[in-house]
Amino acid sequence: MDSTGSPHLCFPDLNSSCRRLLRPPFEAALLYTLFFFLSLLTVTLNSLVIFSISHFRQLHTPTNTLLLSLAVSDLLLGLLVMPIEGLRYIETCWLLGRIMCALSPYFFYCLISASLGHMVLISIVRYLTICDPLQHNSKITITNVKICICVCWASSVIYNGLILMEHMGQPDRFSSCHGECVVVVSYIPGTIDLFVTFVGPCTVMVVLYMRVFLVALSQMRVIQSQTGATNAKAAPNAKRTQGKAARTLGILIVVYLLCYCPYYYPVVAGEDTSTNLSYFSILTWIMLLNSCLNPLIYALFYPWFRKSIKLFFTFRILQAHSREVLIM
């Protein structure tokens, strides 16, 4: 209520305006600062990944090409989606108009789908590297990877266009008042989307990474048995390698599940999130955090990334022939 006893409205001049939850100034300032920091961190981390792979010629490999494209999708999420979602959560109103209500969810789901697609492609590349090393060089070329990246982006654009076709045509179809942007997908497309964007990628990643881990573990056991008689230090080294592989794979899978399971849980459980938009916004932000964590998980585990950051902040990249530096 304002000083006259009237409820706070998103658009006070309109009788059809939605009601607005007016946050205390300190709370609003704190939330704006938090969301700005998360958006800035996401953009910065992914920009460093993009710069590192683009600048240093030695990093122009198939796997790093995938990491570069993944970083682009995550950077766009941090640059475009996070500010919009932050504004909507803090103001509890949709203030960006009808056109943005039509386009914003489309951009959001396109980028999310592209990010997931890249994660699946990376898991496939790692699977072929470990489980089929003889055919790896012939199958995993930069040209083939670029084709897969183009297919991934194109599929995301077309698929989400089909899923959200009705919403983009009538973005205010399910809005009960002015100042609301609600996306409603019917049961059959929603079920298909659940399997395409969550169950499918999740299953592929878990199965492939577990297969990679088992093969790597088997290889380390063979090495350990062959070197045990001649090198007493082999067993401890093998155990450390096994532990490192287990931790890395565990982080990849657990972070993916922790970020995406909460968002899709209401769909699986049959809950209606349209009556509690704050709850849905929190689930959305948990999922968006994956875009901030991706560069940490996929890049910070590589020594070359840490070295490239050091070269960047010491301005050694400005030196002649810095692109030819052996960074790996």
C-alpha atoms as a PDB file:
ATOM      1  CA  MET A   1       0.000   0.000   0.000  1.00  0.00           C
ATOM      2  CA  ASP A   2       1.137   3.571  -0.707  1.00  0.00           C
ATOM      3  CA  SER A   3       0.439   6.634   1.419  1.00  0.00           C
ATOM      4  CA  THR A   4      -3.127   6.862   0.085  1.00  0.00           C
ATOM      5  CA  GLY A   5      -3.929   3.281   1.029  1.00  0.00           C
ATOM      6  CA  SER A   6      -3.960   2.041  -2.586  1.00  0.00           C
ATOM      7  CA  PRO A   7      -2.041  -1.110  -3.587  1.00  0.00           C
ATOM      8  CA  HIS A   8       1.262  -0.677  -5.432  1.00  0.00           C
ATOM      9  CA  LEU A   9       0.830  -1.316  -9.155  1.00  0.00           C
ATOM     10  CA  CYS A  10       3.307  -2.110 -11.910  1.00  0.00           C
ATOM     11  CA  PHE A  11       1.693   0.580 -14.078  1.00  0.00           C
ATOM     12  CA  PRO A  12      -0.316   2.974 -11.859  1.00  0.00           C
ATOM     13  CA  ASP A  13      -1.973   4.666 -14.863  1.00  0.00           C
ATOM     14  CA  LEU A  14      -3.596   1.430 -16.068  1.00  0.00           C
ATOM     15  CA  ASN A  15      -6.635  -0.127 -14.439  1.00  0.00           C
ATOM     16  CA  SER A  16      -5.548  -3.556 -15.720  1.00  0.00           C
ATOM     17  CA  SER A  17      -2.089  -3.317 -14.114  1.00  0.00           C
ATOM     18  CA  CYS A  18      -0.703  -6.146 -12.004  1.00  0.00           C
ATOM     19  CA  ARG A  19       0.040  -5.588  -8.346  1.00  0.00           C
ATOM     20  CA  ARG A  20       3.650  -5.010  -7.442  1.00  0.00           C
ATOM     21  CA  LEU A  21       5.599  -6.201  -4.434  1.00  0.00           C
ATOM     22  CA  LEU A  22       7.513  -3.142  -3.261  1.00  0.00           C
ATOM     23  CA  ARG A  23      10.776  -4.267  -1.700  1.00  0.00           C
ATOM     24  CA  PRO A  24      12.585  -2.253   1.001  1.00  0.00           C
ATOM     25  CA  PRO A  25      15.302  -0.039  -0.532  1.00  0.00           C
ATOM     26  CA  PHE A  26      18.122  -1.941   1.203  1.00  0.00           C
ATOM     27  CA  GLU A  27      16.829  -5.308  -0.011  1.00  0.00           C
ATOM     28  CA  ALA A  28      16.385  -4.033  -3.562  1.00  0.00           C
ATOM     29  CA  ALA A  29      19.893  -2.528  -3.602  1.00  0.00           C
ATOM     30  CA  LEU A  30      21.372  -5.754  -2.242  1.00  0.00           C
ATOM     31  CA  LEU A  31      19.611  -7.866  -4.876  1.00  0.00           C
ATOM     32  CA  TYR A  32      20.633  -5.525  -7.697  1.00  0.00           C
ATOM     33  CA  THR A  33      24.251  -5.734  -6.506  1.00  0.00           C
ATOM     34  CA  LEU A  34      24.126  -9.529  -6.257  1.00  0.00           C
ATOM     35  CA  PHE A  35      22.615 -10.055  -9.700  1.00  0.00           C
ATOM     36  CA  PHE A  36      24.979  -7.517 -11.251  1.00  0.00           C
ATOM     37  CA  PHE A  37      27.957  -9.333  -9.722  1.00  0.00           C
ATOM     38  CA  LEU A  38      26.749 -12.734 -10.962  1.00  0.00           C
ATOM     39  CA  SER A  39      26.162 -11.370 -14.449  1.00  0.00           C
ATOM     40  CA  LEU A  40      29.541  -9.623 -14.516  1.00  0.00           C
ATOM     41  CA  LEU A  41      31.343 -12.718 -13.218  1.00  0.00           C
ATOM     42  CA  THR A  42      29.674 -14.921 -15.836  1.00  0.00           C
ATOM     43  CA  VAL A  43      30.581 -12.542 -18.655  1.00  0.00           C
ATOM     44  CA  THR A  44      34.155 -12.082 -17.392  1.00  0.00           C
ATOM     45  CA  LEU A  45      34.950 -15.771 -16.903  1.00  0.00           C
ATOM     46  CA  ASN A  46      33.531 -16.787 -20.259  1.00  0.00           C
ATOM     47  CA  SER A  47      35.268 -13.853 -21.961  1.00  0.00           C
ATOM     48  CA  LEU A  48      38.584 -15.123 -20.597  1.00  0.00           C
ATOM     49  CA  VAL A  49      37.868 -18.576 -22.019  1.00  0.00           C
ATOM     50  CA  ILE A  50      36.963 -17.084 -25.409  1.00  0.00           C
ATOM     51  CA  PHE A  51      40.029 -14.857 -25.453  1.00  0.00           C
ATOM     52  CA  SER A  52      42.426 -17.625 -24.408  1.00  0.00           C
ATOM     53  CA  ILE A  53      41.289 -20.115 -27.019  1.00  0.00           C
ATOM     54  CA  SER A  54      41.000 -17.509 -29.779  1.00  0.00           C
ATOM     55  CA  HIS A  55      44.366 -15.846 -29.154  1.00  0.00           C
ATOM     56  CA  PHE A  56      46.788 -18.714 -28.655  1.00  0.00           C
ATOM     57  CA  ARG A  57      47.261 -20.770 -31.800  1.00  0.00           C
ATOM     58  CA  GLN A  58      48.272 -23.883 -29.881  1.00  0.00           C
ATOM     59  CA  LEU A  59      44.803 -23.996 -28.308  1.00  0.00           C
ATOM     60  CA  HIS A  60      43.041 -24.331 -31.662  1.00  0.00           C
ATOM     61  CA  THR A  61      42.020 -27.960 -31.112  1.00  0.00           C
ATOM     62  CA  PRO A  62      38.652 -29.722 -31.598  1.00  0.00           C
ATOM     63  CA  THR A  63      37.906 -29.915 -27.874  1.00  0.00           C
ATOM     64  CA  ASN A  64      38.843 -26.292 -27.280  1.00  0.00           C
ATOM     65  CA  THR A  65      36.684 -25.242 -30.230  1.00  0.00           C
ATOM     66  CA  LEU A  66      33.736 -26.760 -28.384  1.00  0.00           C
ATOM     67  CA  LEU A  67      34.765 -24.970 -25.202  1.00  0.00           C
ATOM     68  CA  LEU A  68      34.922 -21.700 -27.138  1.00  0.00           C
ATOM     69  CA  SER A  69      31.401 -22.082 -28.502  1.00  0.00           C
ATOM     70  CA  LEU A  70      30.116 -23.169 -25.090  1.00  0.00           C
ATOM     71  CA  ALA A  71      31.649 -20.052 -23.573  1.00  0.00           C
ATOM     72  CA  VAL A  72      29.884 -17.899 -26.182  1.00  0.00           C
ATOM     73  CA  SER A  73      26.473 -19.297 -25.226  1.00  0.00           C
ATOM     74  CA  ASP A  74      27.203 -18.895 -21.521  1.00  0.00           C
ATOM     75  CA  LEU A  75      28.505 -15.355 -22.061  1.00  0.00           C
ATOM     76  CA  LEU A  76      25.274 -14.406 -23.846  1.00  0.00           C
ATOM     77  CA  LEU A  77      23.282 -15.864 -20.969  1.00  0.00           C
ATOM     78  CA  GLY A  78      25.217 -13.674 -18.553  1.00  0.00           C
ATOM     79  CA  LEU A  79      24.986 -10.606 -20.775  1.00  0.00           C
ATOM     80  CA  LEU A  80      21.353 -10.801 -21.932  1.00  0.00           C
ATOM     81  CA  VAL A  81      19.334 -13.223 -19.830  1.00  0.00           C
ATOM     82  CA  MET A  82      20.652 -12.661 -16.309  1.00  0.00           C
ATOM     83  CA  PRO A  83      19.966  -8.885 -16.263  1.00  0.00           C
ATOM     84  CA  ILE A  84      16.401  -9.419 -17.515  1.00  0.00           C
ATOM     85  CA  GLU A  85      15.672 -12.202 -15.032  1.00  0.00           C
ATOM     86  CA  GLY A  86      17.199 -10.139 -12.241  1.00  0.00           C
ATOM     87  CA  LEU A  87      15.039  -7.125 -13.103  1.00  0.00           C
ATOM     88  CA  ARG A  88      11.896  -9.260 -13.185  1.00  0.00           C
ATOM     89  CA  TYR A  89      12.675 -10.898  -9.837  1.00  0.00           C
ATOM     90  CA  ILE A  90      13.444  -7.639  -8.037  1.00  0.00           C
ATOM     91  CA  GLU A  91      10.621  -5.530  -9.473  1.00  0.00           C
ATOM     92  CA  THR A  92       8.096  -8.450  -9.492  1.00  0.00           C
ATOM     93  CA  CYS A  93       6.724  -6.957 -12.717  1.00  0.00           C
ATOM     94  CA  TRP A  94       7.419  -7.317 -16.416  1.00  0.00           C
ATOM     95  CA  LEU A  95       8.498  -3.819 -17.437  1.00  0.00           C
ATOM     96  CA  LEU A  96      10.014  -4.507 -20.871  1.00  0.00           C
ATOM     97  CA  GLY A  97       6.887  -4.602 -23.009  1.00  0.00           C
ATOM     98  CA  ARG A  98       5.085  -7.079 -25.228  1.00  0.00           C
ATOM     99  CA  ILE A  99       7.808  -7.587 -27.838  1.00  0.00           C
ATOM    100  CA  MET A 100      10.459  -8.404 -25.253  1.00  0.00           C
ATOM    101  CA  CYS A 101       7.993 -10.744 -23.552  1.00  0.00           C
ATOM    102  CA  ALA A 102       7.791 -12.627 -26.846  1.00  0.00           C
ATOM    103  CA  LEU A 103      11.533 -12.662 -27.545  1.00  0.00           C
ATOM    104  CA  SER A 104      13.131 -12.958 -24.104  1.00  0.00           C
ATOM    105  CA  PRO A 105      11.962 -16.535 -23.325  1.00  0.00           C
ATOM    106  CA  TYR A 106      12.975 -17.582 -26.838  1.00  0.00           C
ATOM    107  CA  PHE A 107      16.522 -16.236 -26.433  1.00  0.00           C
ATOM    108  CA  PHE A 108      16.693 -17.746 -22.952  1.00  0.00           C
ATOM    109  CA  TYR A 109      15.747 -21.263 -24.008  1.00  0.00           C
ATOM    110  CA  CYS A 110      17.837 -21.103 -27.192  1.00  0.00           C
ATOM    111  CA  LEU A 111      20.957 -20.294 -25.187  1.00  0.00           C
ATOM    112  CA  ILE A 112      20.164 -22.881 -22.504  1.00  0.00           C
ATOM    113  CA  SER A 113      19.628 -25.560 -25.156  1.00  0.00           C
ATOM    114  CA  ALA A 114      22.823 -24.587 -26.960  1.00  0.00           C
ATOM    115  CA  SER A 115      24.792 -24.733 -23.713  1.00  0.00           C
ATOM    116  CA  LEU A 116      23.436 -28.197 -22.936  1.00  0.00           C
ATOM    117  CA  GLY A 117      24.144 -29.349 -26.480  1.00  0.00           C
ATOM    118  CA  HIS A 118      27.772 -28.288 -26.174  1.00  0.00           C
ATOM    119  CA  MET A 119      28.131 -30.135 -22.882  1.00  0.00           C
ATOM    120  CA  VAL A 120      26.864 -33.306 -24.558  1.00  0.00           C
ATOM    121  CA  LEU A 121      29.259 -32.830 -27.483  1.00  0.00           C
ATOM    122  CA  ILE A 122      32.161 -32.390 -25.074  1.00  0.00           C
ATOM    123  CA  SER A 123      31.229 -35.616 -23.290  1.00  0.00           C
ATOM    124  CA  ILE A 124      31.111 -37.430 -26.651  1.00  0.00           C
ATOM    125  CA  VAL A 125      34.555 -36.115 -27.606  1.00  0.00           C
ATOM    126  CA  ARG A 126      36.017 -37.225 -24.278  1.00  0.00           C
ATOM    127  CA  TYR A 127      34.367 -40.617 -24.666  1.00  0.00           C
ATOM    128  CA  LEU A 128      35.919 -41.144 -28.112  1.00  0.00           C
ATOM    129  CA  THR A 129      39.288 -39.895 -26.879  1.00  0.00           C
ATOM    130  CA  ILE A 130      39.453 -42.458 -24.087  1.00  0.00           C
ATOM    131  CA  CYS A 131      37.431 -45.369 -25.436  1.00  0.00           C
ATOM    132  CA  ASP A 132      38.328 -45.225 -29.136  1.00  0.00           C
ATOM    133  CA  PRO A 133      41.766 -43.585 -29.324  1.00  0.00           C
ATOM    134  CA  LEU A 134      42.727 -45.244 -32.626  1.00  0.00           C
ATOM    135  CA  GLN A 135      39.807 -43.666 -34.499  1.00  0.00           C
ATOM    136  CA  HIS A 136      39.790 -40.436 -32.518  1.00  0.00           C
ATOM    137  CA  ASN A 137      42.041 -38.404 -34.817  1.00  0.00           C
ATOM    138  CA  SER A 138      40.071 -39.360 -37.929  1.00  0.00           C
ATOM    139  CA  LYS A 139      36.636 -38.763 -36.385  1.00  0.00           C
ATOM    140  CA  ILE A 140      37.290 -35.732 -34.207  1.00  0.00           C
ATOM    141  CA  THR A 141      38.645 -33.045 -36.529  1.00  0.00           C
ATOM    142  CA  ILE A 142      38.188 -29.297 -36.250  1.00  0.00           C
ATOM    143  CA  THR A 143      36.045 -29.351 -39.390  1.00  0.00           C
ATOM    144  CA  ASN A 144      33.737 -32.038 -37.993  1.00  0.00           C
ATOM    145  CA  VAL A 145      33.509 -30.216 -34.679  1.00  0.00           C
ATOM    146  CA  LYS A 146      32.585 -26.943 -36.397  1.00  0.00           C
ATOM    147  CA  ILE A 147      29.847 -28.759 -38.297  1.00  0.00           C
ATOM    148  CA  CYS A 148      28.528 -30.212 -35.031  1.00  0.00           C
ATOM    149  CA  ILE A 149      28.583 -26.749 -33.446  1.00  0.00           C
ATOM    150  CA  CYS A 150      26.597 -25.269 -36.339  1.00  0.00           C
ATOM    151  CA  VAL A 151      24.080 -28.125 -36.113  1.00  0.00           C
ATOM    152  CA  CYS A 152      23.812 -27.587 -32.348  1.00  0.00           C
ATOM    153  CA  TRP A 153      23.064 -23.869 -32.684  1.00  0.00           C
ATOM    154  CA  ALA A 154      20.697 -24.352 -35.630  1.00  0.00           C
ATOM    155  CA  SER A 155      18.816 -27.134 -33.846  1.00  0.00           C
ATOM    156  CA  SER A 156      18.438 -24.973 -30.765  1.00  0.00           C
ATOM    157  CA  VAL A 157      17.072 -22.046 -32.779  1.00  0.00           C
ATOM    158  CA  ILE A 158      14.601 -24.171 -34.767  1.00  0.00           C
ATOM    159  CA  TYR A 159      13.517 -26.424 -31.901  1.00  0.00           C
ATOM    160  CA  ASN A 160      12.758 -23.613 -29.470  1.00  0.00           C
ATOM    161  CA  GLY A 161      11.026 -21.673 -32.223  1.00  0.00           C
ATOM    162  CA  LEU A 162       8.631 -24.593 -32.654  1.00  0.00           C
ATOM    163  CA  ILE A 163       8.119 -25.073 -28.907  1.00  0.00           C
ATOM    164  CA  LEU A 164       7.444 -21.367 -28.287  1.00  0.00           C
ATOM    165  CA  MET A 165       5.620 -20.598 -31.525  1.00  0.00           C
ATOM    166  CA  GLU A 166       2.275 -19.910 -29.839  1.00  0.00           C
ATOM    167  CA  HIS A 167       3.857 -17.758 -27.144  1.00  0.00           C
ATOM    168  CA  MET A 168       5.780 -15.617 -29.625  1.00  0.00           C
ATOM    169  CA  GLY A 169       2.592 -15.101 -31.632  1.00  0.00           C
ATOM    170  CA  GLN A 170       0.535 -14.120 -28.572  1.00  0.00           C
ATOM    171  CA  PRO A 171       2.912 -13.295 -25.695  1.00  0.00           C
ATOM    172  CA  ASP A 172       0.133 -11.917 -23.479  1.00  0.00           C
ATOM    173  CA  ARG A 173      -2.230 -14.825 -24.080  1.00  0.00           C
ATOM    174  CA  PHE A 174      -1.970 -16.165 -20.537  1.00  0.00           C
ATOM    175  CA  SER A 175      -1.298 -12.864 -18.776  1.00  0.00           C
ATOM    176  CA  SER A 176      -3.994 -12.033 -16.244  1.00  0.00           C
ATOM    177  CA  CYS A 177      -2.967  -8.373 -15.980  1.00  0.00           C
ATOM    178  CA  HIS A 178      -0.696  -5.744 -17.519  1.00  0.00           C
ATOM    179  CA  GLY A 179       2.865  -6.161 -16.259  1.00  0.00           C
ATOM    180  CA  GLU A 180       3.046  -9.935 -16.429  1.00  0.00           C
ATOM    181  CA  CYS A 181       4.896 -12.214 -18.866  1.00  0.00           C
ATOM    182  CA  VAL A 182       3.852 -15.846 -18.551  1.00  0.00           C
ATOM    183  CA  VAL A 183       5.075 -18.696 -20.759  1.00  0.00           C
ATOM    184  CA  VAL A 184       2.743 -21.690 -20.906  1.00  0.00           C
ATOM    185  CA  VAL A 185       3.626 -24.781 -22.947  1.00  0.00           C
ATOM    186  CA  SER A 186       0.950 -27.416 -23.506  1.00  0.00           C
ATOM    187  CA  TYR A 187       1.317 -30.921 -22.090  1.00  0.00           C
ATOM    188  CA  ILE A 188       2.637 -32.817 -25.122  1.00  0.00           C
ATOM    189  CA  PRO A 189       5.274 -30.230 -26.198  1.00  0.00           C
ATOM    190  CA  GLY A 190       6.225 -29.788 -22.542  1.00  0.00           C
ATOM    191  CA  THR A 191       6.758 -33.531 -22.113  1.00  0.00           C
ATOM    192  CA  ILE A 192       8.852 -33.686 -25.280  1.00  0.00           C
ATOM    193  CA  ASP A 193      10.867 -30.693 -24.114  1.00  0.00           C
ATOM    194  CA  LEU A 194      11.523 -32.370 -20.750  1.00  0.00           C
ATOM    195  CA  PHE A 195      13.161 -35.347 -22.449  1.00  0.00           C
ATOM    196  CA  VAL A 196      14.973 -33.345 -25.130  1.00  0.00           C
ATOM    197  CA  THR A 197      16.458 -30.683 -22.857  1.00  0.00           C
ATOM    198  CA  PHE A 198      16.932 -32.570 -19.596  1.00  0.00           C
ATOM    199  CA  VAL A 199      16.420 -36.337 -19.464  1.00  0.00           C
ATOM    200  CA  GLY A 200      18.230 -36.953 -22.756  1.00  0.00           C
ATOM    201  CA  PRO A 201      21.336 -34.802 -22.150  1.00  0.00           C
ATOM    202  CA  CYS A 202      21.527 -35.911 -18.529  1.00  0.00           C
ATOM    203  CA  THR A 203      21.411 -39.596 -19.474  1.00  0.00           C
ATOM    204  CA  VAL A 204      23.979 -39.206 -22.251  1.00  0.00           C
ATOM    205  CA  MET A 205      26.411 -37.311 -20.037  1.00  0.00           C
ATOM    206  CA  VAL A 206      26.135 -39.695 -17.094  1.00  0.00           C
ATOM    207  CA  VAL A 207      26.441 -42.835 -19.233  1.00  0.00           C
ATOM    208  CA  LEU A 208      29.388 -41.548 -21.276  1.00  0.00           C
ATOM    209  CA  TYR A 209      31.296 -40.138 -18.318  1.00  0.00           C
ATOM    210  CA  MET A 210      30.794 -43.327 -16.314  1.00  0.00           C
ATOM    211  CA  ARG A 211      32.021 -45.319 -19.305  1.00  0.00           C
ATOM    212  CA  VAL A 212      35.054 -43.027 -19.600  1.00  0.00           C
ATOM    213  CA  PHE A 213      35.776 -43.399 -15.902  1.00  0.00           C
ATOM    214  CA  LEU A 214      35.549 -47.206 -16.020  1.00  0.00           C
ATOM    215  CA  VAL A 215      37.834 -47.405 -19.054  1.00  0.00           C
ATOM    216  CA  ALA A 216      40.345 -45.010 -17.485  1.00  0.00           C
ATOM    217  CA  LEU A 217      40.231 -47.000 -14.261  1.00  0.00           C
ATOM    218  CA  SER A 218      40.852 -50.229 -16.166  1.00  0.00           C
ATOM    219  CA  GLN A 219      43.798 -48.686 -18.003  1.00  0.00           C
ATOM    220  CA  MET A 220      45.330 -47.453 -14.764  1.00  0.00           C
ATOM    221  CA  ARG A 221      45.026 -50.922 -13.242  1.00  0.00           C
ATOM    222  CA  VAL A 222      46.868 -52.393 -16.217  1.00  0.00           C
ATOM    223  CA  ILE A 223      49.611 -49.785 -15.896  1.00  0.00           C
ATOM    224  CA  GLN A 224      49.806 -50.385 -12.173  1.00  0.00           C
ATOM    225  CA  SER A 225      50.176 -54.154 -12.609  1.00  0.00           C
ATOM    226  CA  GLN A 226      52.829 -53.746 -15.301  1.00  0.00           C
ATOM    227  CA  THR A 227      54.921 -51.252 -13.359  1.00  0.00           C
ATOM    228  CA  GLY A 228      54.399 -52.661  -9.882  1.00  0.00           C
ATOM    229  CA  ALA A 229      57.381 -54.964 -10.064  1.00  0.00           C
ATOM    230  CA  THR A 230      59.795 -52.309 -11.302  1.00  0.00           C
ATOM    231  CA  ASN A 231      58.564 -49.069  -9.805  1.00  0.00           C
ATOM    232  CA  ALA A 232      57.345 -48.897  -6.234  1.00  0.00           C
ATOM    233  CA  LYS A 233      55.991 -45.371  -6.740  1.00  0.00           C
ATOM    234  CA  ALA A 234      53.641 -46.368  -9.543  1.00  0.00           C
ATOM    235  CA  ALA A 235      50.800 -47.508  -7.285  1.00  0.00           C
ATOM    236  CA  PRO A 236      50.527 -44.262  -5.305  1.00  0.00           C
ATOM    237  CA  ASN A 237      50.694 -42.241  -8.525  1.00  0.00           C
ATOM    238  CA  ALA A 238      48.022 -44.411 -10.110  1.00  0.00           C
ATOM    239  CA  LYS A 239      45.769 -43.994  -7.091  1.00  0.00           C
ATOM    240  CA  ARG A 240      46.183 -40.241  -7.178  1.00  0.00           C
ATOM    241  CA  THR A 241      45.326 -40.184 -10.892  1.00  0.00           C
ATOM    242  CA  GLN A 242      42.267 -42.347 -10.298  1.00  0.00           C
ATOM    243  CA  GLY A 243      41.137 -40.071  -7.492  1.00  0.00           C
ATOM    244  CA  LYS A 244      41.607 -36.952  -9.606  1.00  0.00           C
ATOM    245  CA  ALA A 245      39.610 -38.470 -12.472  1.00  0.00           C
ATOM    246  CA  ALA A 246      36.842 -39.491 -10.092  1.00  0.00           C
ATOM    247  CA  ARG A 247      36.653 -36.013  -8.557  1.00  0.00           C
ATOM    248  CA  THR A 248      36.593 -34.258 -11.932  1.00  0.00           C
ATOM    249  CA  LEU A 249      33.881 -36.499 -13.344  1.00  0.00           C
ATOM    250  CA  GLY A 250      31.928 -36.229 -10.118  1.00  0.00           C
ATOM    251  CA  ILE A 251      32.048 -32.418 -10.217  1.00  0.00           C
ATOM    252  CA  LEU A 252      30.876 -32.324 -13.828  1.00  0.00           C
ATOM    253  CA  ILE A 253      27.903 -34.586 -13.220  1.00  0.00           C
ATOM    254  CA  VAL A 254      26.891 -33.307  -9.777  1.00  0.00           C
ATOM    255  CA  VAL A 255      27.018 -29.608 -10.742  1.00  0.00           C
ATOM    256  CA  TYR A 256      24.980 -30.300 -13.866  1.00  0.00           C
ATOM    257  CA  LEU A 257      22.339 -32.159 -11.856  1.00  0.00           C
ATOM    258  CA  LEU A 258      22.308 -29.641  -9.009  1.00  0.00           C
ATOM    259  CA  CYS A 259      21.729 -26.753 -11.393  1.00  0.00           C
ATOM    260  CA  TYR A 260      19.112 -28.339 -13.637  1.00  0.00           C
ATOM    261  CA  CYS A 261      17.202 -30.823 -11.463  1.00  0.00           C
ATOM    262  CA  PRO A 262      15.539 -28.115  -9.303  1.00  0.00           C
ATOM    263  CA  TYR A 263      14.301 -26.302 -12.424  1.00  0.00           C
ATOM    264  CA  TYR A 264      12.727 -29.414 -13.944  1.00  0.00           C
ATOM    265  CA  TYR A 265      11.499 -30.956 -10.694  1.00  0.00           C
ATOM    266  CA  PRO A 266       8.139 -29.096 -10.695  1.00  0.00           C
ATOM    267  CA  VAL A 267       7.490 -30.380 -14.231  1.00  0.00           C
ATOM    268  CA  VAL A 268       8.240 -33.971 -13.232  1.00  0.00           C
ATOM    269  CA  ALA A 269       6.228 -33.646 -10.009  1.00  0.00           C
ATOM    270  CA  GLY A 270       3.305 -31.984 -11.777  1.00  0.00           C
ATOM    271  CA  GLU A 271       3.505 -28.791  -9.700  1.00  0.00           C
ATOM    272  CA  ASP A 272       2.001 -25.523 -10.922  1.00  0.00           C
ATOM    273  CA  THR A 273       4.662 -22.813 -10.685  1.00  0.00           C
ATOM    274  CA  SER A 274       2.479 -20.107 -12.245  1.00  0.00           C
ATOM    275  CA  THR A 275       0.995 -19.310  -8.825  1.00  0.00           C
ATOM    276  CA  ASN A 276       4.404 -18.811  -7.209  1.00  0.00           C
ATOM    277  CA  LEU A 277       6.617 -16.857  -9.577  1.00  0.00           C
ATOM    278  CA  SER A 278       9.230 -16.091  -6.903  1.00  0.00           C
ATOM    279  CA  TYR A 279       9.780 -19.821  -6.403  1.00  0.00           C
ATOM    280  CA  PHE A 280      10.118 -20.314 -10.166  1.00  0.00           C
ATOM    281  CA  SER A 281      12.546 -17.372 -10.412  1.00  0.00           C
ATOM    282  CA  ILE A 282      14.796 -18.935  -7.775  1.00  0.00           C
ATOM    283  CA  LEU A 283      14.829 -22.220  -9.711  1.00  0.00           C
ATOM    284  CA  THR A 284      15.672 -20.293 -12.874  1.00  0.00           C
ATOM    285  CA  TRP A 285      18.617 -18.566 -11.200  1.00  0.00           C
ATOM    286  CA  ILE A 286      19.938 -21.876  -9.891  1.00  0.00           C
ATOM    287  CA  MET A 287      19.969 -23.133 -13.471  1.00  0.00           C
ATOM    288  CA  LEU A 288      21.600 -19.942 -14.746  1.00  0.00           C
ATOM    289  CA  LEU A 289      24.431 -20.409 -12.257  1.00  0.00           C
ATOM    290  CA  ASN A 290      25.606 -23.293 -14.410  1.00  0.00           C
ATOM    291  CA  SER A 291      26.689 -20.759 -17.025  1.00  0.00           C
ATOM    292  CA  CYS A 292      28.943 -19.151 -14.428  1.00  0.00           C
ATOM    293  CA  LEU A 293      30.290 -22.493 -13.239  1.00  0.00           C
ATOM    294  CA  ASN A 294      30.918 -23.962 -16.701  1.00  0.00           C
ATOM    295  CA  PRO A 295      34.132 -21.999 -17.352  1.00  0.00           C
ATOM    296  CA  LEU A 296      35.392 -22.980 -13.906  1.00  0.00           C
ATOM    297  CA  ILE A 297      34.653 -26.663 -14.434  1.00  0.00           C
ATOM    298  CA  TYR A 298      35.691 -27.014 -18.065  1.00  0.00           C
ATOM    299  CA  ALA A 299      38.548 -24.533 -18.198  1.00  0.00           C
ATOM    300  CA  LEU A 300      40.102 -23.932 -14.785  1.00  0.00           C
ATOM    301  CA  PHE A 301      41.008 -27.605 -14.542  1.00  0.00           C
ATOM    302  CA  TYR A 302      43.326 -27.061 -17.527  1.00  0.00           C
ATOM    303  CA  PRO A 303      46.789 -25.623 -16.730  1.00  0.00           C
ATOM    304  CA  TRP A 304      46.818 -23.751 -20.035  1.00  0.00           C
ATOM    305  CA  PHE A 305      43.885 -21.619 -18.901  1.00  0.00           C
ATOM    306  CA  ARG A 306      45.664 -20.507 -15.754  1.00  0.00           C
ATOM    307  CA  LYS A 307      48.772 -19.729 -17.799  1.00  0.00           C
ATOM    308  CA  SER A 308      46.768 -17.720 -20.342  1.00  0.00           C
ATOM    309  CA  ILE A 309      45.187 -15.672 -17.541  1.00  0.00           C
ATOM    310  CA  LYS A 310      48.657 -14.920 -16.184  1.00  0.00           C
ATOM    311  CA  LEU A 311      49.854 -13.811 -19.626  1.00  0.00           C
ATOM    312  CA  PHE A 312      46.756 -11.654 -20.000  1.00  0.00           C
ATOM    313  CA  PHE A 313      47.031  -9.807 -16.708  1.00  0.00           C
ATOM    314  CA  THR A 314      50.792  -9.295 -17.091  1.00  0.00           C
ATOM    315  CA  PHE A 315      50.175  -7.783 -20.564  1.00  0.00           C
ATOM    316  CA  ARG A 316      52.582 -10.249 -22.176  1.00  0.00           C
ATOM    317  CA  ILE A 317      49.930 -10.900 -24.811  1.00  0.00           C
ATOM    318  CA  LEU A 318      50.807  -7.498 -26.265  1.00  0.00           C
ATOM    319  CA  GLN A 319      54.261  -8.742 -27.186  1.00  0.00           C
ATOM    320  CA  ALA A 320      55.057  -9.701 -30.749  1.00  0.00           C
ATOM    321  CA  HIS A 321      54.293 -13.322 -31.675  1.00  0.00           C
ATOM    322  CA  SER A 322      52.404 -13.897 -28.427  1.00  0.00           C
ATOM    323  CA  ARG A 323      49.945 -16.023 -30.400  1.00  0.00           C
ATOM    324  CA  GLU A 324      52.717 -18.556 -30.971  1.00  0.00           C
ATOM    325  CA  VAL A 325      53.520 -19.030 -27.277  1.00  0.00           C
ATOM    326  CA  LEU A 326      53.604 -22.713 -26.287  1.00  0.00           C
ATOM    327  CA  ILE A 327      50.957 -22.638 -23.615  1.00  0.00           C
ATOM    328  CA  MET A 328      50.331 -26.370 -23.196  1.00  0.00           C
END
